[in-house]
Protein backbone atom coordinates (compact mmCIF):
# COMPACT_ATOMS: atom_id res chain seq x y z
CA MET A 1 1.24 14.60 2.52
CA ASP A 2 0.53 11.82 0.08
CA ASP A 3 0.17 13.14 -3.51
CA ASP A 4 -3.18 11.43 -4.03
CA ILE A 5 -4.57 12.90 -0.83
CA GLU A 6 -3.29 16.34 -1.77
CA ARG A 7 -4.93 16.08 -5.22
CA LEU A 8 -8.22 14.96 -3.67
CA ARG A 9 -8.07 17.81 -1.15
CA SER A 10 -7.43 20.33 -3.91
CA LEU A 11 -10.24 18.90 -6.02
CA LEU A 12 -12.66 18.99 -3.12
CA LEU A 13 -11.78 22.59 -2.32
CA ALA A 14 -12.11 23.61 -5.98
CA MET A 15 -15.44 21.82 -6.46
CA ASN A 16 -16.82 23.57 -3.40
CA GLU A 17 -15.33 26.89 -4.54
CA VAL A 18 -13.45 27.30 -1.29
CA ASP A 19 -11.19 30.33 -1.26
CA VAL A 20 -8.13 29.12 0.64
CA GLU A 21 -6.96 32.71 0.99
CA ALA A 22 -10.16 33.78 2.75
CA ALA A 23 -10.11 34.58 6.45
CA GLU A 24 -12.94 32.11 7.04
CA TYR A 25 -10.83 29.28 5.64
CA HIS A 26 -7.91 30.14 7.92
CA LYS A 27 -10.23 30.49 10.91
CA LEU A 28 -11.80 27.08 10.23
CA ARG A 29 -8.37 25.53 9.71
CA ALA A 30 -7.18 26.97 13.04
CA GLN A 31 -10.28 25.64 14.79
CA LEU A 32 -9.77 22.16 13.34
CA ILE A 33 -6.12 22.12 14.39
CA SER A 34 -7.07 23.35 17.86
CA GLU A 35 -9.65 20.60 18.21
CA LEU A 36 -7.14 17.95 17.10
CA VAL A 37 -4.61 19.24 19.63
CA ARG A 38 -7.24 19.20 22.37
CA MET A 39 -8.29 15.64 21.54
CA ARG A 40 -4.67 14.52 21.40
CA ALA A 41 -4.02 16.04 24.83
CA GLU A 42 -6.92 14.04 26.26
CA GLN A 43 -5.27 10.77 25.26
CA ASP A 44 -3.57 8.89 28.03
CA LEU A 45 0.17 9.52 28.07
CA LEU A 46 0.89 5.80 27.77
CA GLU A 47 -1.29 5.63 24.65
CA ARG A 48 0.67 8.48 23.08
CA LEU A 49 4.00 6.92 23.97
CA ARG A 50 3.13 3.41 22.74
CA PRO A 51 4.16 4.03 19.08
CA ILE A 52 7.54 5.30 20.27
CA GLN A 53 7.97 2.31 22.57
CA ASP A 54 7.12 -0.01 19.68
CA GLN A 55 9.83 1.61 17.54
CA VAL A 56 12.38 1.21 20.33
CA GLU A 57 11.46 -2.49 20.66
CA ARG A 58 11.99 -2.98 16.92
CA ILE A 59 15.48 -1.48 17.18
CA GLY A 60 16.46 -4.21 19.60
CA THR A 61 18.35 -4.43 22.83
CA ARG A 62 21.05 -1.95 23.73
CA ASP A 63 24.67 -2.99 23.32
CA PRO A 64 26.16 -2.83 26.84
CA ASP A 65 29.67 -2.44 25.38
CA PHE A 66 28.78 0.59 23.24
CA ASP A 67 30.87 3.65 24.14
CA LEU A 68 29.01 6.77 23.00
CA LYS A 69 31.97 9.07 23.70
CA SER A 70 34.30 7.04 21.50
CA PHE A 71 31.65 6.87 18.79
CA MET A 72 31.14 10.65 18.87
CA ASP A 73 34.89 11.32 18.95
CA ALA A 74 35.38 9.09 15.88
CA SER A 75 32.66 10.91 13.98
CA TRP A 76 34.58 14.19 14.35
CA GLU A 77 37.69 12.77 12.76
């Protein structure tokens, strides 16, 4: 997590006197995570895969002459 965001989070929790060790905090955190997971699951699969596809496009086209076995064998030497 970004240092600035972490500092802001800590400050917010301290100003609101939130006890991060309290069961209520952990319950709320679990509920928030559960909701995020649920919302993420509702996204269309193609929407979730798009960032990965974009990264693959940035890598470029595959070298048709690339021999993975030879590459792996050489890395063991």
